Amino acid sequence: MKRLLPIVCALALALPVMGQESEKTTVTTKETKVAPEKADFDLLGELWSMQDATPLPPGQVDLRFTTQWITANAPANRGDSNDDFIFTPSLVWGAVEGVEAFLNVPIWMGDSGNIPGQEDGQADTYAGFLWRFLEQEDSGSDWAVQASGRFPTGCNSNGIDGELRLIISNEYDSGIRSHLNGFVYTSNGDNVENNRHFQWGAVVGLDGDLNEDGTVRWVLDYINRSSTEYGHDNINLVDVGWQWKLADSQNLGMSFQVGVDHGNDEAPNFGATMTYSWSLTY
């Protein structure tokens, strides 16, 4: 009996230890979902009244082809009908980090293709550059400035115009981006009768994802700007549409334009624009 007592005590002490060793420890790991990478979207400036603060990367060249239709009241008509058709080839170049340069020459077509003071066909040349001087990581928004000019290469055209535009873009956690543009414009020459030599305007807009991988985006903007001639009210327009990244080197977009000022002879009533962009790298 005396020998049995130590054995019983040893078993009593060992059972809790054996029980602890037999317990299983379960660790629950929470899976963290990583959001898909957003497409680095550069809005096609030919489609919208607004510009974003995203320049082309260095070494990229975009060839863009834009077709536009506008219908307006008769006094704003540039020909015998109320419809205007414009085809615009453009060249956009990512010159250095944060800077892109651009060049385009509109071509007016059809019965109503008469440019004020000119003939059907090639219009003036527009050229300029965009410089992003602050990025969102540093300031909370992308800040850029765009400078452009009109050069009188069209028949019977004269004078040189210039525009200076401040662009502020911001991307939110939802993937939606907001854009604010403010610009001033100096208009010279006598291509337009009763020409307003100093013009100004502002644009606000948004764009966001239409699909999961972010290759298709909706775009909406609103512009309020001064008239191009004295004696007219300000021009108010709304653009709405989409832009689709077909591939790394191809973009396609379409916008619809609606004039808010019914009866304003300078504002188009409706319009539609389509742009195809093909990118090259070197």
Protein backbone atom coordinates (compact mmCIF):
# COMPACT_ATOMS: atom_id res chain seq x y z
CA MET A 1 0.00 0.00 0.00
CA LYS A 2 2.87 2.33 0.83
CA ARG A 3 4.39 1.57 -2.57
CA LEU A 4 1.08 2.20 -4.35
CA LEU A 5 0.63 5.69 -2.85
CA PRO A 6 3.65 7.30 -4.65
CA ILE A 7 2.50 5.78 -7.97
CA VAL A 8 -1.02 7.23 -7.57
CA CYS A 9 0.42 10.66 -6.72
CA ALA A 10 2.70 10.57 -9.77
CA LEU A 11 -0.22 9.71 -12.05
CA ALA A 12 -2.31 12.53 -10.55
CA LEU A 13 0.40 15.04 -11.31
CA ALA A 14 1.03 13.70 -14.84
CA LEU A 15 -2.59 13.71 -16.08
CA PRO A 16 -3.00 17.53 -16.28
CA VAL A 17 0.30 17.77 -18.15
CA MET A 18 -0.77 15.08 -20.60
CA GLY A 19 -4.09 16.86 -21.06
CA GLN A 20 -2.36 20.12 -21.88
CA GLU A 21 -0.11 18.44 -24.44
CA SER A 22 -3.11 16.82 -26.13
CA GLU A 23 -4.99 20.12 -26.59
CA LYS A 24 -4.84 21.50 -30.13
CA THR A 25 -4.14 25.15 -30.67
CA THR A 26 -6.20 26.59 -33.56
CA VAL A 27 -4.93 29.77 -35.23
CA THR A 28 -7.40 31.60 -37.39
CA THR A 29 -5.86 33.65 -40.17
CA LYS A 30 -7.86 36.35 -41.86
CA GLU A 31 -7.35 36.52 -45.60
CA THR A 32 -6.54 40.00 -46.80
CA LYS A 33 -7.89 40.84 -50.21
CA VAL A 34 -5.70 43.06 -52.33
CA ALA A 35 -7.57 45.45 -54.57
CA PRO A 36 -6.77 45.08 -58.26
CA GLU A 37 -4.28 47.57 -59.61
CA LYS A 38 -5.91 50.55 -61.25
CA ALA A 39 -5.16 51.34 -64.86
CA ASP A 40 -3.05 54.46 -65.17
CA PHE A 41 -5.63 56.47 -67.07
CA ASP A 42 -4.79 59.53 -69.11
CA LEU A 43 -8.00 61.14 -70.37
CA LEU A 44 -8.02 61.86 -74.09
CA GLY A 45 -8.07 65.66 -74.13
CA GLU A 46 -9.71 65.75 -77.56
CA LEU A 47 -12.90 64.21 -76.12
CA TRP A 48 -13.61 66.40 -73.12
CA SER A 49 -13.88 70.05 -72.14
CA MET A 50 -11.63 69.28 -69.15
CA GLN A 51 -8.05 68.07 -68.95
CA ASP A 52 -6.58 65.79 -66.28
CA ALA A 53 -3.14 66.25 -64.71
CA THR A 54 -1.75 62.93 -66.02
CA PRO A 55 0.99 63.38 -68.65
CA LEU A 56 2.17 60.65 -71.00
CA PRO A 57 5.20 58.69 -69.73
CA PRO A 58 8.55 59.65 -71.27
CA GLY A 59 9.21 57.98 -74.60
CA GLN A 60 5.55 57.42 -75.50
CA VAL A 61 3.99 58.96 -78.60
CA ASP A 62 0.22 58.87 -79.21
CA LEU A 63 -1.33 59.15 -82.65
CA ARG A 64 -4.95 60.22 -82.14
CA PHE A 65 -7.78 60.57 -84.62
CA THR A 66 -10.91 62.47 -83.61
CA THR A 67 -14.22 62.82 -85.45
CA GLN A 68 -16.73 65.39 -84.19
CA TRP A 69 -20.28 66.40 -85.10
CA ILE A 70 -21.94 69.55 -83.74
CA THR A 71 -25.40 70.95 -84.36
CA ALA A 72 -26.20 74.53 -83.39
CA ASN A 73 -28.62 77.39 -83.97
CA ALA A 74 -28.42 79.03 -87.39
CA PRO A 75 -26.56 82.20 -86.28
CA ALA A 76 -23.74 80.06 -84.86
CA ASN A 77 -23.60 78.00 -88.07
CA ARG A 78 -20.38 78.09 -90.07
CA GLY A 79 -22.03 77.15 -93.35
CA ASP A 80 -25.39 76.64 -95.01
CA SER A 81 -26.78 74.14 -92.51
CA ASN A 82 -26.81 73.77 -88.74
CA ASP A 83 -24.36 70.85 -88.67
CA ASP A 84 -20.57 70.95 -88.49
CA PHE A 85 -18.23 67.98 -89.07
CA ILE A 86 -14.59 68.14 -87.98
CA PHE A 87 -11.82 65.55 -88.33
CA THR A 88 -8.72 66.19 -86.19
CA PRO A 89 -5.45 64.22 -86.32
CA SER A 90 -3.31 64.80 -83.22
CA LEU A 91 0.19 63.97 -82.04
CA VAL A 92 0.92 63.75 -78.28
CA TRP A 93 4.46 63.14 -77.03
CA GLY A 94 5.76 62.25 -73.56
CA ALA A 95 8.87 64.43 -73.74
CA VAL A 96 10.37 64.01 -70.25
CA GLU A 97 9.09 62.92 -66.84
CA GLY A 98 5.96 64.96 -66.03
CA VAL A 99 5.85 66.81 -69.37
CA GLU A 100 3.93 66.08 -72.56
CA ALA A 101 3.73 68.11 -75.78
CA PHE A 102 0.92 68.06 -78.34
CA LEU A 103 0.06 69.19 -81.86
CA ASN A 104 -3.22 69.00 -83.81
CA VAL A 105 -4.73 70.40 -87.01
CA PRO A 106 -8.56 70.29 -87.34
CA ILE A 107 -10.00 69.63 -90.80
CA TRP A 108 -13.51 70.98 -91.41
CA MET A 109 -15.62 68.88 -93.79
CA GLY A 110 -18.94 69.09 -95.61
CA ASP A 111 -21.37 71.87 -96.51
CA SER A 112 -21.06 73.52 -93.14
CA GLY A 113 -17.29 73.26 -92.97
CA ASN A 114 -16.67 76.97 -93.52
CA ILE A 115 -14.39 78.31 -90.81
CA PRO A 116 -15.10 81.98 -89.99
CA GLY A 117 -13.11 84.08 -92.44
CA GLN A 118 -11.63 80.99 -94.10
CA GLU A 119 -12.47 78.23 -96.56
CA ASP A 120 -13.39 74.57 -96.19
CA GLY A 121 -10.55 72.25 -95.28
CA GLN A 122 -7.47 72.61 -93.11
CA ALA A 123 -7.82 74.95 -90.17
CA ASP A 124 -5.18 76.53 -87.95
CA THR A 125 -2.56 74.54 -86.05
CA TYR A 126 -2.80 74.13 -82.28
CA ALA A 127 0.29 73.25 -80.24
CA GLY A 128 1.33 73.30 -76.61
CA PHE A 129 2.54 71.37 -73.59
CA LEU A 130 1.34 70.10 -70.20
CA TRP A 131 3.61 70.09 -67.12
CA ARG A 132 2.69 68.26 -63.90
CA PHE A 133 4.62 70.10 -61.21
CA LEU A 134 3.12 68.42 -58.11
CA GLU A 135 2.12 64.78 -57.63
CA GLN A 136 -0.63 63.45 -55.37
CA GLU A 137 1.75 61.78 -52.88
CA ASP A 138 3.21 65.15 -51.94
CA SER A 139 0.23 67.51 -52.07
CA GLY A 140 -2.91 65.34 -51.90
CA SER A 141 -3.67 66.24 -55.52
CA ASP A 142 -1.95 66.27 -58.90
CA TRP A 143 -1.27 69.82 -60.05
CA ALA A 144 -0.42 70.70 -63.65
CA VAL A 145 -0.29 73.69 -65.95
CA GLN A 146 -1.04 73.58 -69.66
CA ALA A 147 -0.01 76.24 -72.17
CA SER A 148 -1.20 76.14 -75.79
CA GLY A 149 -1.48 78.37 -78.81
CA ARG A 150 -3.31 78.73 -82.13
CA PHE A 151 -1.09 79.44 -85.11
CA PRO A 152 -2.60 80.83 -88.38
CA THR A 153 -1.82 78.06 -90.86
CA GLY A 154 -5.36 78.05 -92.30
CA CYS A 155 -6.33 79.92 -95.46
CA ASN A 156 -6.92 83.67 -94.80
CA SER A 157 -6.32 83.22 -91.08
CA ASN A 158 -4.29 85.68 -89.02
CA GLY A 159 -3.26 86.38 -85.44
CA ILE A 160 -1.94 84.04 -82.74
CA ASP A 161 -4.08 83.00 -79.76
CA GLY A 162 -2.86 81.64 -76.43
CA GLU A 163 -4.37 79.73 -73.52
CA LEU A 164 -3.04 79.12 -70.00
CA ARG A 165 -4.82 76.47 -67.91
CA LEU A 166 -4.39 75.30 -64.31
CA ILE A 167 -5.38 71.66 -63.73
CA ILE A 168 -6.01 69.97 -60.36
CA SER A 169 -6.80 66.23 -60.26
CA ASN A 170 -7.44 64.04 -57.21
CA GLU A 171 -8.00 60.27 -56.92
CA TYR A 172 -10.08 58.86 -54.05
CA ASP A 173 -10.09 55.42 -52.39
CA SER A 174 -13.19 54.49 -54.40
CA GLY A 175 -11.20 54.93 -57.64
CA ILE A 176 -13.20 58.00 -58.66
CA ARG A 177 -11.15 61.00 -59.73
CA SER A 178 -12.17 64.65 -59.60
CA HIS A 179 -10.82 67.39 -61.86
CA LEU A 180 -10.89 71.16 -61.70
CA ASN A 181 -9.67 73.39 -64.54
CA GLY A 182 -9.44 77.16 -64.72
CA PHE A 183 -8.20 78.93 -67.84
CA VAL A 184 -7.67 82.28 -69.52
CA TYR A 185 -7.50 82.79 -73.28
CA THR A 186 -6.23 85.64 -75.41
CA SER A 187 -7.85 85.80 -78.86
CA ASN A 188 -6.18 87.92 -81.54
CA GLY A 189 -6.64 88.58 -85.23
CA ASP A 190 -9.88 89.30 -87.06
CA ASN A 191 -11.03 85.78 -87.97
CA VAL A 192 -14.17 86.27 -85.86
CA GLU A 193 -16.32 89.37 -86.13
CA ASN A 194 -16.65 91.35 -82.89
CA ASN A 195 -14.00 89.09 -81.36
CA ARG A 196 -13.69 89.04 -77.54
CA HIS A 197 -9.94 89.42 -77.09
CA PHE A 198 -9.77 88.20 -73.47
CA GLN A 199 -11.76 85.09 -72.55
CA TRP A 200 -11.93 82.85 -69.47
CA GLY A 201 -13.65 79.76 -68.10
CA ALA A 202 -13.75 76.92 -65.57
CA VAL A 203 -14.43 73.18 -65.83
CA VAL A 204 -15.34 70.63 -63.14
CA GLY A 205 -15.59 66.91 -63.78
CA LEU A 206 -15.37 63.32 -62.55
CA ASP A 207 -14.36 59.94 -63.94
CA GLY A 208 -14.57 56.44 -62.47
CA ASP A 209 -14.51 52.70 -63.18
CA LEU A 210 -17.20 50.98 -65.21
CA ASN A 211 -15.70 47.49 -64.82
CA GLU A 212 -13.62 45.56 -62.27
CA ASP A 213 -10.22 45.86 -63.92
CA GLY A 214 -10.59 49.60 -64.51
CA THR A 215 -10.08 49.47 -68.27
CA VAL A 216 -13.37 51.25 -68.99
CA ARG A 217 -14.19 54.54 -67.28
CA TRP A 218 -17.20 56.85 -67.33
CA VAL A 219 -16.51 60.58 -67.64
CA LEU A 220 -18.68 63.60 -66.81
CA ASP A 221 -17.76 67.28 -66.94
CA TYR A 222 -19.37 70.74 -66.95
CA ILE A 223 -17.87 73.91 -68.43
CA ASN A 224 -18.81 77.56 -67.98
CA ARG A 225 -16.87 79.95 -70.20
CA SER A 226 -17.15 83.42 -71.65
CA SER A 227 -18.47 83.91 -75.16
CA THR A 228 -16.08 84.26 -78.09
CA GLU A 229 -17.85 87.45 -79.26
CA TYR A 230 -18.97 90.52 -77.37
CA GLY A 231 -22.71 90.82 -76.73
CA HIS A 232 -23.36 87.13 -75.95
CA ASP A 233 -24.00 85.30 -72.68
CA ASN A 234 -21.59 82.81 -71.16
CA ILE A 235 -21.48 79.34 -72.70
CA ASN A 236 -22.50 76.34 -70.53
CA LEU A 237 -21.90 72.79 -71.75
CA VAL A 238 -22.08 69.26 -70.32
CA ASP A 239 -19.96 66.36 -71.62
CA VAL A 240 -20.78 62.75 -70.74
CA GLY A 241 -19.31 59.53 -72.13
CA TRP A 242 -16.78 56.76 -71.67
CA GLN A 243 -13.18 55.87 -72.40
CA TRP A 244 -11.97 52.32 -73.00
CA LYS A 245 -8.39 51.05 -72.74
CA LEU A 246 -8.50 48.41 -75.48
CA ALA A 247 -4.87 47.36 -74.92
CA ASP A 248 -1.65 48.81 -73.56
CA SER A 249 -1.20 50.70 -76.84
CA GLN A 250 -4.82 51.49 -77.79
CA ASN A 251 -7.58 53.68 -76.37
CA LEU A 252 -11.05 54.43 -77.68
CA GLY A 253 -13.52 56.93 -76.32
CA MET A 254 -16.82 58.60 -77.11
CA SER A 255 -18.47 61.67 -75.62
CA PHE A 256 -21.80 63.42 -76.05
CA GLN A 257 -22.10 67.17 -75.62
CA VAL A 258 -25.24 69.01 -74.55
CA GLY A 259 -25.63 72.78 -74.55
CA VAL A 260 -27.38 74.06 -71.42
CA ASP A 261 -28.00 77.53 -72.91
CA HIS A 262 -31.00 77.17 -75.18
CA GLY A 263 -31.13 80.14 -77.51
CA ASN A 264 -27.47 81.10 -77.06
CA ASP A 265 -26.25 81.54 -80.62
CA GLU A 266 -22.66 80.59 -79.73
CA ALA A 267 -23.39 77.39 -77.82
CA PRO A 268 -23.96 74.10 -79.68
CA ASN A 269 -27.24 72.35 -78.94
CA PHE A 270 -25.84 68.83 -79.23
CA GLY A 271 -22.65 67.15 -80.31
CA ALA A 272 -20.87 63.80 -80.43
CA THR A 273 -17.14 63.06 -80.53
CA MET A 274 -15.15 59.85 -81.01
CA THR A 275 -11.38 59.48 -80.54
CA TYR A 276 -9.09 56.55 -81.28
CA SER A 277 -5.53 56.63 -79.87
CA TRP A 278 -2.61 54.42 -80.84
CA SER A 279 0.54 54.55 -78.68
CA LEU A 280 4.14 54.01 -79.76
CA THR A 281 7.21 53.78 -77.52
CA TYR A 282 10.89 54.31 -78.25
